[in-house]
Amino acid sequence: MGRFASGVLAVAAAMLTAAVTVQPVQAADERPPLPDRTDEAFNEDCLAAHNRYRARHGAAPLRLDDEAVAYAVRRAREASAQEGGALPPGARGWGENRFWFAGYEHEPATCEEAVRLWYEQRWTGGYDWDRPGYAPDTASFTQVVWKATDTLGCGRAAGWRDAEDAYQTYIVCSYRPAGNVVGRFEENVGEPIGQS
């Protein structure tokens, strides 16, 4: 309501002047994006975490890709500009996992934390090895270990939000080829090998 009211006053004031400056209107649910906090060490952390969990399921290691990193950075910043981090679906051909964290420490969350939470969907979401397939509660887990995926790039936007009185981190990891393809789960989501 505060943003709307101030926007109305600004428009009314502009209409009373002889010269009007037109500026793009920011949607009510948007805010300025948080700064990009992606660096090489962050993506190396992402790669190591993914490959450690993938090995547990017989999936080949991923490789980092500059195009995937750039795409993920853009998506993380877009998410940070939306109330609640809501994003429209990603571009065709890309798989995507998203992570959001808020706390009082002035440090961004790590990729290890994000990938661990995605992987833990195996238990928390109850992946059904007897009936492999898509389920919203395990989709992040299955994307992490998806055997046909070979390319990874991750982005992180993070910073302090006064309105929420918290330091927020948005992490997006982009994958190619995309996982979670209907009819392909049995061959792409391997059961754990040994102790997991």
N, C-alpha and C. Protein backbone atom coordinates (compact mmCIF):
# COMPACT_ATOMS: atom_id res chain seq x y z
N MET A 1 0.82 -1.18 0.00
CA MET A 1 0.00 0.00 0.00
C MET A 1 0.87 1.24 0.00
N GLY A 2 1.97 1.24 0.75
CA GLY A 2 2.86 2.39 0.80
C GLY A 2 3.45 2.73 -0.55
N ARG A 3 3.87 1.72 -1.30
CA ARG A 3 4.44 1.98 -2.61
C ARG A 3 3.40 2.56 -3.56
N PHE A 4 2.19 2.01 -3.51
CA PHE A 4 1.13 2.47 -4.39
C PHE A 4 0.77 3.92 -4.09
N ALA A 5 0.61 4.23 -2.83
CA ALA A 5 0.23 5.59 -2.44
C ALA A 5 1.28 6.59 -2.87
N SER A 6 2.56 6.29 -2.66
CA SER A 6 3.59 7.24 -3.06
C SER A 6 3.67 7.35 -4.58
N GLY A 7 3.40 6.26 -5.28
CA GLY A 7 3.39 6.31 -6.74
C GLY A 7 2.28 7.20 -7.26
N VAL A 8 1.10 7.15 -6.63
CA VAL A 8 -0.02 7.99 -7.04
C VAL A 8 0.31 9.46 -6.81
N LEU A 9 0.91 9.78 -5.67
CA LEU A 9 1.29 11.16 -5.39
C LEU A 9 2.31 11.67 -6.39
N ALA A 10 3.25 10.84 -6.76
CA ALA A 10 4.27 11.25 -7.72
C ALA A 10 3.65 11.54 -9.08
N VAL A 11 2.71 10.71 -9.50
CA VAL A 11 2.04 10.92 -10.78
C VAL A 11 1.20 12.20 -10.73
N ALA A 12 0.47 12.40 -9.64
CA ALA A 12 -0.35 13.61 -9.51
C ALA A 12 0.52 14.86 -9.54
N ALA A 13 1.65 14.84 -8.87
CA ALA A 13 2.55 16.00 -8.88
C ALA A 13 3.11 16.24 -10.27
N ALA A 14 3.44 15.18 -10.98
CA ALA A 14 3.99 15.33 -12.33
C ALA A 14 2.94 15.91 -13.27
N MET A 15 1.68 15.55 -13.09
CA MET A 15 0.63 16.04 -13.96
C MET A 15 0.38 17.54 -13.75
N LEU A 16 0.70 18.08 -12.59
CA LEU A 16 0.49 19.49 -12.31
C LEU A 16 1.59 20.37 -12.90
N THR A 17 2.68 19.78 -13.32
CA THR A 17 3.78 20.56 -13.89
C THR A 17 3.63 20.63 -15.40
N ALA A 18 4.30 21.59 -16.00
CA ALA A 18 4.22 21.77 -17.45
C ALA A 18 4.95 20.66 -18.18
N ALA A 19 6.09 20.24 -17.67
CA ALA A 19 6.88 19.18 -18.31
C ALA A 19 6.74 17.91 -17.49
N VAL A 20 6.43 16.83 -18.17
CA VAL A 20 6.25 15.56 -17.48
C VAL A 20 7.36 14.62 -17.92
N THR A 21 8.02 13.99 -16.96
CA THR A 21 9.03 12.98 -17.24
C THR A 21 8.38 11.62 -17.06
N VAL A 22 8.45 10.78 -18.09
CA VAL A 22 7.87 9.45 -18.02
C VAL A 22 8.97 8.47 -17.64
N GLN A 23 8.72 7.69 -16.60
CA GLN A 23 9.65 6.66 -16.16
C GLN A 23 8.91 5.34 -16.10
N PRO A 24 9.62 4.23 -16.32
CA PRO A 24 8.95 2.93 -16.22
C PRO A 24 8.40 2.73 -14.81
N VAL A 25 7.22 2.16 -14.75
CA VAL A 25 6.58 1.90 -13.47
C VAL A 25 7.00 0.51 -13.00
N GLN A 26 7.45 0.42 -11.77
CA GLN A 26 7.84 -0.85 -11.19
C GLN A 26 6.59 -1.55 -10.68
N ALA A 27 6.43 -2.82 -11.03
CA ALA A 27 5.26 -3.58 -10.57
C ALA A 27 5.22 -3.59 -9.05
N ALA A 28 4.01 -3.70 -8.51
CA ALA A 28 3.82 -3.63 -7.06
C ALA A 28 4.59 -4.72 -6.32
N ASP A 29 4.80 -5.88 -6.96
CA ASP A 29 5.49 -6.96 -6.27
C ASP A 29 6.98 -7.00 -6.57
N GLU A 30 7.51 -5.99 -7.25
CA GLU A 30 8.94 -5.94 -7.57
C GLU A 30 9.65 -4.95 -6.67
N ARG A 31 10.94 -5.16 -6.54
CA ARG A 31 11.82 -4.28 -5.78
C ARG A 31 13.18 -4.34 -6.45
N PRO A 32 14.11 -3.47 -6.10
CA PRO A 32 15.42 -3.53 -6.75
C PRO A 32 16.09 -4.88 -6.48
N PRO A 33 16.76 -5.45 -7.49
CA PRO A 33 17.43 -6.73 -7.27
C PRO A 33 18.60 -6.57 -6.31
N LEU A 34 18.91 -7.64 -5.61
CA LEU A 34 20.07 -7.65 -4.73
C LEU A 34 21.34 -7.78 -5.57
N PRO A 35 22.48 -7.37 -5.03
CA PRO A 35 23.74 -7.45 -5.79
C PRO A 35 24.14 -8.90 -6.10
N ASP A 36 24.81 -9.05 -7.22
CA ASP A 36 25.37 -10.34 -7.62
C ASP A 36 26.51 -10.69 -6.66
N ARG A 37 26.43 -11.86 -6.04
CA ARG A 37 27.47 -12.34 -5.13
C ARG A 37 28.06 -13.65 -5.64
N THR A 38 28.13 -13.77 -6.97
CA THR A 38 28.65 -14.97 -7.60
C THR A 38 30.12 -14.75 -7.93
N ASP A 39 30.94 -15.71 -7.61
CA ASP A 39 32.35 -15.66 -8.01
C ASP A 39 32.81 -17.08 -8.33
N GLU A 40 34.05 -17.21 -8.75
CA GLU A 40 34.57 -18.51 -9.15
C GLU A 40 34.53 -19.50 -7.99
N ALA A 41 34.90 -19.06 -6.79
CA ALA A 41 34.89 -19.96 -5.62
C ALA A 41 33.48 -20.47 -5.33
N PHE A 42 32.48 -19.60 -5.49
CA PHE A 42 31.10 -20.01 -5.28
C PHE A 42 30.72 -21.12 -6.25
N ASN A 43 31.05 -20.96 -7.55
CA ASN A 43 30.69 -21.98 -8.52
C ASN A 43 31.49 -23.26 -8.33
N GLU A 44 32.73 -23.16 -7.87
CA GLU A 44 33.51 -24.36 -7.57
C GLU A 44 32.86 -25.12 -6.40
N ASP A 45 32.35 -24.39 -5.41
CA ASP A 45 31.62 -24.99 -4.29
C ASP A 45 30.36 -25.70 -4.80
N CYS A 46 29.65 -25.04 -5.71
CA CYS A 46 28.44 -25.63 -6.30
C CYS A 46 28.78 -26.92 -7.05
N LEU A 47 29.82 -26.86 -7.86
CA LEU A 47 30.23 -28.02 -8.65
C LEU A 47 30.62 -29.19 -7.75
N ALA A 48 31.44 -28.92 -6.74
CA ALA A 48 31.89 -29.98 -5.83
C ALA A 48 30.70 -30.62 -5.10
N ALA A 49 29.78 -29.80 -4.63
CA ALA A 49 28.61 -30.33 -3.90
C ALA A 49 27.75 -31.19 -4.82
N HIS A 50 27.47 -30.69 -6.02
CA HIS A 50 26.67 -31.48 -6.97
C HIS A 50 27.35 -32.81 -7.28
N ASN A 51 28.63 -32.76 -7.61
CA ASN A 51 29.32 -33.97 -8.04
C ASN A 51 29.46 -34.99 -6.91
N ARG A 52 29.58 -34.53 -5.68
CA ARG A 52 29.63 -35.45 -4.54
C ARG A 52 28.31 -36.23 -4.43
N TYR A 53 27.18 -35.53 -4.54
CA TYR A 53 25.89 -36.20 -4.45
C TYR A 53 25.60 -37.04 -5.69
N ARG A 54 26.01 -36.58 -6.85
CA ARG A 54 25.79 -37.34 -8.08
C ARG A 54 26.53 -38.67 -8.03
N ALA A 55 27.74 -38.66 -7.50
CA ALA A 55 28.53 -39.90 -7.41
C ALA A 55 27.81 -40.96 -6.58
N ARG A 56 27.05 -40.53 -5.60
CA ARG A 56 26.31 -41.47 -4.75
C ARG A 56 25.24 -42.23 -5.53
N HIS A 57 24.90 -41.72 -6.72
CA HIS A 57 23.83 -42.33 -7.53
C HIS A 57 24.33 -42.77 -8.90
N GLY A 58 25.65 -42.86 -9.06
CA GLY A 58 26.22 -43.34 -10.31
C GLY A 58 26.12 -42.37 -11.47
N ALA A 59 25.94 -41.09 -11.19
CA ALA A 59 25.86 -40.07 -12.25
C ALA A 59 27.25 -39.47 -12.48
N ALA A 60 27.58 -39.23 -13.73
CA ALA A 60 28.88 -38.65 -14.09
C ALA A 60 29.00 -37.23 -13.54
N PRO A 61 30.22 -36.76 -13.32
CA PRO A 61 30.42 -35.39 -12.83
C PRO A 61 29.91 -34.36 -13.83
N LEU A 62 29.41 -33.26 -13.31
CA LEU A 62 29.02 -32.12 -14.13
C LEU A 62 30.25 -31.28 -14.44
N ARG A 63 30.12 -30.40 -15.42
CA ARG A 63 31.17 -29.41 -15.71
C ARG A 63 30.52 -28.04 -15.68
N LEU A 64 31.31 -27.04 -15.26
CA LEU A 64 30.81 -25.66 -15.25
C LEU A 64 30.81 -25.11 -16.66
N ASP A 65 29.86 -24.23 -16.93
CA ASP A 65 29.72 -23.62 -18.24
C ASP A 65 29.42 -22.14 -18.06
N ASP A 66 30.18 -21.28 -18.76
CA ASP A 66 30.02 -19.83 -18.61
C ASP A 66 28.62 -19.35 -18.98
N GLU A 67 28.04 -19.93 -20.02
CA GLU A 67 26.68 -19.53 -20.42
C GLU A 67 25.67 -19.90 -19.33
N ALA A 68 25.84 -21.08 -18.74
CA ALA A 68 24.95 -21.51 -17.66
C ALA A 68 25.11 -20.62 -16.43
N VAL A 69 26.35 -20.21 -16.13
CA VAL A 69 26.58 -19.32 -14.99
C VAL A 69 25.90 -17.98 -15.24
N ALA A 70 26.09 -17.41 -16.43
CA ALA A 70 25.49 -16.10 -16.74
C ALA A 70 23.96 -16.17 -16.66
N TYR A 71 23.39 -17.24 -17.16
CA TYR A 71 21.93 -17.41 -17.11
C TYR A 71 21.46 -17.53 -15.65
N ALA A 72 22.17 -18.31 -14.85
CA ALA A 72 21.79 -18.49 -13.44
C ALA A 72 21.93 -17.19 -12.65
N VAL A 73 22.96 -16.41 -12.93
CA VAL A 73 23.14 -15.12 -12.25
C VAL A 73 21.94 -14.21 -12.56
N ARG A 74 21.57 -14.17 -13.83
CA ARG A 74 20.41 -13.34 -14.22
C ARG A 74 19.15 -13.80 -13.50
N ARG A 75 18.94 -15.10 -13.43
CA ARG A 75 17.74 -15.64 -12.78
C ARG A 75 17.75 -15.38 -11.27
N ALA A 76 18.92 -15.47 -10.63
CA ALA A 76 19.01 -15.21 -9.19
C ALA A 76 18.69 -13.75 -8.89
N ARG A 77 19.20 -12.85 -9.72
CA ARG A 77 18.92 -11.42 -9.51
C ARG A 77 17.44 -11.13 -9.77
N GLU A 78 16.86 -11.77 -10.79
CA GLU A 78 15.43 -11.60 -11.06
C GLU A 78 14.60 -12.09 -9.87
N ALA A 79 14.98 -13.22 -9.30
CA ALA A 79 14.25 -13.76 -8.14
C ALA A 79 14.35 -12.80 -6.96
N SER A 80 15.52 -12.21 -6.77
CA SER A 80 15.70 -11.30 -5.63
C SER A 80 14.87 -10.03 -5.77
N ALA A 81 14.44 -9.72 -6.98
CA ALA A 81 13.63 -8.52 -7.21
C ALA A 81 12.14 -8.77 -7.00
N GLN A 82 11.76 -10.02 -6.82
CA GLN A 82 10.35 -10.38 -6.66
C GLN A 82 10.04 -10.65 -5.19
N GLU A 83 8.94 -10.14 -4.71
CA GLU A 83 8.48 -10.49 -3.36
C GLU A 83 8.27 -12.00 -3.33
N GLY A 84 8.90 -12.67 -2.41
CA GLY A 84 8.77 -14.12 -2.30
C GLY A 84 9.65 -14.89 -3.27
N GLY A 85 10.43 -14.21 -4.10
CA GLY A 85 11.35 -14.88 -5.01
C GLY A 85 10.69 -15.61 -6.17
N ALA A 86 9.41 -15.32 -6.44
CA ALA A 86 8.69 -16.00 -7.52
C ALA A 86 9.31 -15.65 -8.86
N LEU A 87 9.47 -16.66 -9.69
CA LEU A 87 10.02 -16.47 -11.03
C LEU A 87 9.12 -17.17 -12.04
N PRO A 88 9.00 -16.61 -13.24
CA PRO A 88 8.32 -17.36 -14.29
C PRO A 88 9.19 -18.55 -14.68
N PRO A 89 8.63 -19.52 -15.39
CA PRO A 89 9.44 -20.66 -15.82
C PRO A 89 10.68 -20.19 -16.58
N GLY A 90 11.74 -20.98 -16.48
CA GLY A 90 12.99 -20.65 -17.16
C GLY A 90 12.90 -20.92 -18.65
N ALA A 91 13.98 -20.61 -19.34
CA ALA A 91 14.04 -20.79 -20.79
C ALA A 91 13.99 -22.27 -21.14
N ARG A 92 13.45 -22.55 -22.29
CA ARG A 92 13.34 -23.92 -22.79
C ARG A 92 14.72 -24.57 -22.84
N GLY A 93 14.78 -25.80 -22.38
CA GLY A 93 16.03 -26.56 -22.43
C GLY A 93 16.87 -26.48 -21.16
N TRP A 94 16.53 -25.53 -20.28
CA TRP A 94 17.28 -25.38 -19.03
C TRP A 94 16.51 -26.04 -17.89
N GLY A 95 17.22 -26.78 -17.04
CA GLY A 95 16.68 -27.23 -15.77
C GLY A 95 17.07 -26.19 -14.73
N GLU A 96 16.35 -26.14 -13.63
CA GLU A 96 16.63 -25.10 -12.65
C GLU A 96 16.25 -25.54 -11.24
N ASN A 97 17.12 -25.23 -10.29
CA ASN A 97 16.82 -25.35 -8.86
C ASN A 97 16.99 -23.99 -8.23
N ARG A 98 16.13 -23.68 -7.25
CA ARG A 98 16.16 -22.37 -6.58
C ARG A 98 16.24 -22.55 -5.06
N PHE A 99 16.92 -21.61 -4.43
CA PHE A 99 17.11 -21.63 -2.98
C PHE A 99 16.99 -20.20 -2.47
N TRP A 100 16.31 -20.03 -1.34
CA TRP A 100 16.20 -18.72 -0.70
C TRP A 100 16.46 -18.89 0.78
N PHE A 101 17.22 -17.95 1.35
CA PHE A 101 17.53 -17.99 2.77
C PHE A 101 17.56 -16.57 3.31
N ALA A 102 17.05 -16.39 4.52
CA ALA A 102 17.12 -15.09 5.20
C ALA A 102 17.61 -15.30 6.62
N GLY A 103 18.49 -14.42 7.06
CA GLY A 103 19.02 -14.53 8.42
C GLY A 103 19.60 -13.20 8.86
N TYR A 104 20.16 -13.19 10.05
CA TYR A 104 20.70 -11.95 10.60
C TYR A 104 22.20 -11.81 10.38
N GLU A 105 22.88 -12.89 10.01
CA GLU A 105 24.31 -12.81 9.69
C GLU A 105 24.46 -12.07 8.37
N HIS A 106 25.43 -11.23 8.27
CA HIS A 106 25.65 -10.46 7.05
C HIS A 106 26.56 -11.22 6.09
N GLU A 107 26.29 -12.49 5.91
CA GLU A 107 27.03 -13.34 4.99
C GLU A 107 26.04 -14.10 4.12
N PRO A 108 26.33 -14.23 2.83
CA PRO A 108 25.42 -15.00 1.98
C PRO A 108 25.49 -16.49 2.30
N ALA A 109 24.39 -17.18 2.07
CA ALA A 109 24.37 -18.64 2.21
C ALA A 109 25.30 -19.24 1.17
N THR A 110 25.77 -20.45 1.44
CA THR A 110 26.69 -21.12 0.52
C THR A 110 25.93 -22.03 -0.43
N CYS A 111 26.59 -22.38 -1.51
CA CYS A 111 25.98 -23.32 -2.45
C CYS A 111 25.89 -24.71 -1.82
N GLU A 112 26.86 -25.06 -0.99
CA GLU A 112 26.82 -26.35 -0.29
C GLU A 112 25.51 -26.47 0.49
N GLU A 113 25.09 -25.40 1.16
CA GLU A 113 23.83 -25.42 1.92
C GLU A 113 22.64 -25.66 0.99
N ALA A 114 22.63 -24.97 -0.14
CA ALA A 114 21.52 -25.11 -1.09
C ALA A 114 21.46 -26.52 -1.66
N VAL A 115 22.59 -27.02 -2.13
CA VAL A 115 22.60 -28.35 -2.76
C VAL A 115 22.25 -29.43 -1.74
N ARG A 116 22.71 -29.28 -0.51
CA ARG A 116 22.37 -30.25 0.54
C ARG A 116 20.85 -30.29 0.75
N LEU A 117 20.21 -29.13 0.80
CA LEU A 117 18.75 -29.10 0.98
C LEU A 117 18.02 -29.72 -0.21
N TRP A 118 18.51 -29.45 -1.42
CA TRP A 118 17.89 -30.06 -2.60
C TRP A 118 18.04 -31.58 -2.54
N TYR A 119 19.23 -32.03 -2.19
CA TYR A 119 19.48 -33.47 -2.12
C TYR A 119 18.63 -34.13 -1.03
N GLU A 120 18.44 -33.46 0.08
CA GLU A 120 17.67 -34.03 1.19
C GLU A 120 16.20 -34.25 0.84
N GLN A 121 15.74 -33.70 -0.29
CA GLN A 121 14.38 -34.01 -0.74
C GLN A 121 14.21 -35.51 -0.97
N ARG A 122 15.31 -36.19 -1.19
CA ARG A 122 15.26 -37.64 -1.35
C ARG A 122 14.52 -38.26 -0.17
N TRP A 123 14.79 -37.73 1.04
CA TRP A 123 14.14 -38.25 2.25
C TRP A 123 12.90 -37.43 2.60
N THR A 124 13.04 -36.10 2.63
CA THR A 124 11.92 -35.26 3.08
C THR A 124 10.74 -35.33 2.12
N GLY A 125 11.01 -35.47 0.83
CA GLY A 125 9.94 -35.57 -0.16
C GLY A 125 9.51 -36.99 -0.41
N GLY A 126 10.32 -37.95 0.06
CA GLY A 126 9.97 -39.36 -0.08
C GLY A 126 10.03 -39.88 -1.50
N TYR A 127 11.21 -39.75 -2.15
CA TYR A 127 11.32 -40.27 -3.52
C TYR A 127 10.99 -41.76 -3.53
N ASP A 128 10.14 -42.17 -4.46
CA ASP A 128 9.66 -43.55 -4.54
C ASP A 128 10.47 -44.32 -5.57
N TRP A 129 11.45 -45.09 -5.09
CA TRP A 129 12.31 -45.86 -5.99
C TRP A 129 11.54 -46.95 -6.71
N ASP A 130 10.44 -47.43 -6.13
CA ASP A 130 9.64 -48.48 -6.76
C ASP A 130 8.77 -47.94 -7.89
N ARG A 131 8.48 -46.65 -7.84
CA ARG A 131 7.69 -46.01 -8.90
C ARG A 131 8.36 -44.70 -9.28
N PRO A 132 9.49 -44.78 -10.00
CA PRO A 132 10.22 -43.55 -10.33
C PRO A 132 9.38 -42.64 -11.22
N GLY A 133 9.45 -41.35 -10.92
CA GLY A 133 8.71 -40.38 -11.70
C GLY A 133 8.78 -39.01 -11.08
N TYR A 134 8.13 -38.08 -11.74
CA TYR A 134 8.15 -36.70 -11.27
C TYR A 134 7.24 -36.52 -10.06
N ALA A 135 7.75 -35.77 -9.08
CA ALA A 135 6.94 -35.35 -7.93
C ALA A 135 7.48 -33.99 -7.51
N PRO A 136 6.62 -32.99 -7.31
CA PRO A 136 7.09 -31.66 -6.93
C PRO A 136 7.97 -31.66 -5.68
N ASP A 137 7.70 -32.56 -4.73
CA ASP A 137 8.46 -32.59 -3.48
C ASP A 137 9.85 -33.18 -3.62
N THR A 138 10.15 -33.78 -4.77
CA THR A 138 11.49 -34.36 -4.97
C THR A 138 12.17 -33.85 -6.24
N ALA A 139 11.58 -32.87 -6.90
CA ALA A 139 12.08 -32.41 -8.20
C ALA A 139 13.48 -31.80 -8.12
N SER A 140 13.81 -31.12 -7.03
CA SER A 140 15.16 -30.55 -6.91
C SER A 140 16.18 -31.66 -6.74
N PHE A 141 15.86 -32.67 -5.91
CA PHE A 141 16.74 -33.83 -5.74
C PHE A 141 17.00 -34.52 -7.07
N THR A 142 15.92 -34.82 -7.82
CA THR A 142 16.10 -35.57 -9.06
C THR A 142 16.90 -34.76 -10.09
N GLN A 143 16.77 -33.44 -10.10
CA GLN A 143 17.58 -32.63 -11.01
C GLN A 143 19.06 -32.70 -10.62
N VAL A 144 19.37 -32.68 -9.34
CA VAL A 144 20.77 -32.75 -8.90
C VAL A 144 21.44 -34.02 -9.40
N VAL A 145 20.76 -35.17 -9.32
CA VAL A 145 21.39 -36.45 -9.66
C VAL A 145 21.04 -36.95 -11.07
N TRP A 146 20.34 -36.17 -11.86
CA TRP A 146 19.88 -36.57 -13.19
C TRP A 146 21.09 -36.93 -14.07
N LYS A 147 21.16 -38.19 -14.50
CA LYS A 147 22.35 -38.69 -15.21
C LYS A 147 22.60 -38.01 -16.55
N ALA A 148 21.57 -37.66 -17.29
CA ALA A 148 21.75 -37.07 -18.62
C ALA A 148 22.23 -35.62 -18.56
N THR A 149 22.11 -34.97 -17.42
CA THR A 149 22.59 -33.59 -17.28
C THR A 149 24.10 -33.61 -17.19
N ASP A 150 24.76 -32.72 -17.96
CA ASP A 150 26.23 -32.68 -17.91
C ASP A 150 26.80 -31.28 -17.68
N THR A 151 25.94 -30.26 -17.68
CA THR A 151 26.40 -28.87 -17.59
C THR A 151 25.72 -28.16 -16.43
N LEU A 152 26.49 -27.34 -15.72
CA LEU A 152 26.00 -26.63 -14.55
C LEU A 152 26.50 -25.20 -14.54
N GLY A 153 25.68 -24.31 -14.03
CA GLY A 153 26.08 -22.94 -13.73
C GLY A 153 25.18 -22.42 -12.63
N CYS A 154 25.75 -21.73 -11.66
CA CYS A 154 24.95 -21.24 -10.53
C CYS A 154 25.19 -19.76 -10.32
N GLY A 155 24.17 -19.08 -9.83
CA GLY A 155 24.26 -17.66 -9.54
C GLY A 155 23.73 -17.38 -8.15
N ARG A 156 24.24 -16.29 -7.55
CA ARG A 156 23.81 -15.93 -6.20
C ARG A 156 23.65 -14.42 -6.11
N ALA A 157 22.50 -14.00 -5.65
CA ALA A 157 22.24 -12.59 -5.34
C ALA A 157 21.99 -12.52 -3.84
N ALA A 158 22.63 -11.56 -3.17
CA ALA A 158 22.49 -11.50 -1.72
C ALA A 158 22.72 -10.08 -1.21
N GLY A 159 22.06 -9.77 -0.11
CA GLY A 159 22.24 -8.47 0.52
C GLY A 159 21.22 -8.24 1.62
N TRP A 160 21.39 -7.14 2.32
CA TRP A 160 20.50 -6.77 3.44
C TRP A 160 19.25 -6.11 2.89
N ARG A 161 18.10 -6.53 3.40
CA ARG A 161 16.82 -5.91 3.07
C ARG A 161 16.29 -5.25 4.33
N ASP A 162 16.28 -3.92 4.35
CA ASP A 162 15.78 -3.20 5.52
C ASP A 162 14.32 -3.53 5.81
N ALA A 163 13.51 -3.63 4.76
CA ALA A 163 12.08 -3.87 4.95
C ALA A 163 11.81 -5.20 5.67
N GLU A 164 12.65 -6.19 5.42
CA GLU A 164 12.48 -7.49 6.07
C GLU A 164 13.40 -7.64 7.27
N ASP A 165 14.29 -6.67 7.49
CA ASP A 165 15.26 -6.71 8.58
C ASP A 165 16.03 -8.02 8.57
N ALA A 166 16.54 -8.39 7.39
CA ALA A 166 17.27 -9.65 7.25
C ALA A 166 18.23 -9.58 6.06
N TYR A 167 19.28 -10.40 6.14
CA TYR A 167 20.20 -10.58 5.03
C TYR A 167 19.65 -11.74 4.22
N GLN A 168 19.39 -11.51 2.94
CA GLN A 168 18.75 -12.52 2.10
C GLN A 168 19.70 -13.03 1.03
N THR A 169 19.57 -14.32 0.74
CA THR A 169 20.37 -14.95 -0.31
C THR A 169 19.43 -15.70 -1.25
N TYR A 170 19.60 -15.48 -2.54
CA TYR A 170 18.88 -16.21 -3.58
C TYR A 170 19.92 -16.94 -4.41
N ILE A 171 19.80 -18.26 -4.50
CA ILE A 171 20.70 -19.06 -5.31
C ILE A 171 19.87 -19.77 -6.37
N VAL A 172 20.34 -19.70 -7.61
CA VAL A 172 19.72 -20.42 -8.71
C VAL A 172 20.81 -21.23 -9.39
N CYS A 173 20.56 -22.52 -9.60
CA CYS A 173 21.47 -23.35 -10.39
C CYS A 173 20.73 -23.76 -11.66
N SER A 174 21.43 -23.62 -12.78
CA SER A 174 20.87 -23.95 -14.09
C SER A 174 21.59 -25.18 -14.63
N TYR A 175 20.83 -26.04 -15.30
CA TYR A 175 21.34 -27.33 -15.75
C TYR A 175 20.99 -27.54 -17.22
N ARG A 176 21.92 -28.21 -17.94
CA ARG A 176 21.66 -28.63 -19.31
C ARG A 176 22.24 -29.99 -19.55
N PRO A 177 21.59 -30.84 -20.29
CA PRO A 177 20.17 -30.77 -20.59
C PRO A 177 19.34 -30.83 -19.31
N ALA A 178 18.15 -30.32 -19.40
CA ALA A 178 17.26 -30.29 -18.24
C ALA A 178 16.91 -31.70 -17.80
N GLY A 179 16.76 -31.86 -16.49
CA GLY A 179 16.30 -33.13 -15.93
C GLY A 179 14.79 -33.13 -15.77
N ASN A 180 14.32 -34.11 -15.02
CA ASN A 180 12.89 -34.24 -14.72
C ASN A 180 12.04 -34.39 -15.97
N VAL A 181 12.53 -35.19 -16.92
CA VAL A 181 11.80 -35.45 -18.16
C VAL A 181 10.88 -36.65 -17.93
N VAL A 182 9.60 -36.43 -18.15
CA VAL A 182 8.60 -37.49 -17.94
C VAL A 182 8.98 -38.72 -18.78
N GLY A 183 8.91 -39.89 -18.15
CA GLY A 183 9.22 -41.14 -18.82
C GLY A 183 10.70 -41.50 -18.81
N ARG A 184 11.55 -40.65 -18.24
CA ARG A 184 13.00 -40.88 -18.24
C ARG A 184 13.60 -41.02 -16.84
N PHE A 185 12.77 -41.13 -15.82
CA PHE A 185 13.28 -41.15 -14.45
C PHE A 185 14.05 -42.42 -14.13
N GLU A 186 13.55 -43.57 -14.57
CA GLU A 186 14.19 -44.84 -14.20
C GLU A 186 15.64 -44.90 -14.65
N GLU A 187 15.93 -44.42 -15.85
CA GLU A 187 17.31 -44.48 -16.35
C GLU A 187 18.17 -43.31 -15.88
N ASN A 188 17.57 -42.25 -15.35
CA ASN A 188 18.33 -41.05 -14.98
C ASN A 188 18.47 -40.79 -13.49
N VAL A 189 17.65 -41.42 -12.67
CA VAL A 189 17.75 -41.23 -11.22
C VAL A 189 18.13 -42.58 -10.62
N GLY A 190 19.44 -42.78 -10.48
CA GLY A 190 19.95 -44.05 -9.97
C GLY A 190 19.75 -44.19 -8.47
N GLU A 191 19.50 -45.42 -8.05
CA GLU A 191 19.41 -45.68 -6.61
C GLU A 191 20.78 -45.44 -5.99
N PRO A 192 20.82 -45.13 -4.70
CA PRO A 192 22.10 -44.88 -4.05
C PRO A 192 23.02 -46.09 -4.10
N ILE A 193 24.30 -45.81 -4.29
CA ILE A 193 25.32 -46.85 -4.33
C ILE A 193 25.98 -46.90 -2.96
N GLY A 194 25.89 -48.01 -2.27
CA GLY A 194 26.52 -48.13 -0.96
C GLY A 194 25.87 -47.22 0.06
N GLN A 195 26.67 -46.69 0.97
CA GLN A 195 26.19 -45.80 2.04
C GLN A 195 25.93 -44.41 1.50
N SER A 196 24.74 -43.85 1.68
CA SER A 196 24.42 -42.50 1.22
C SER A 196 23.93 -41.69 2.37
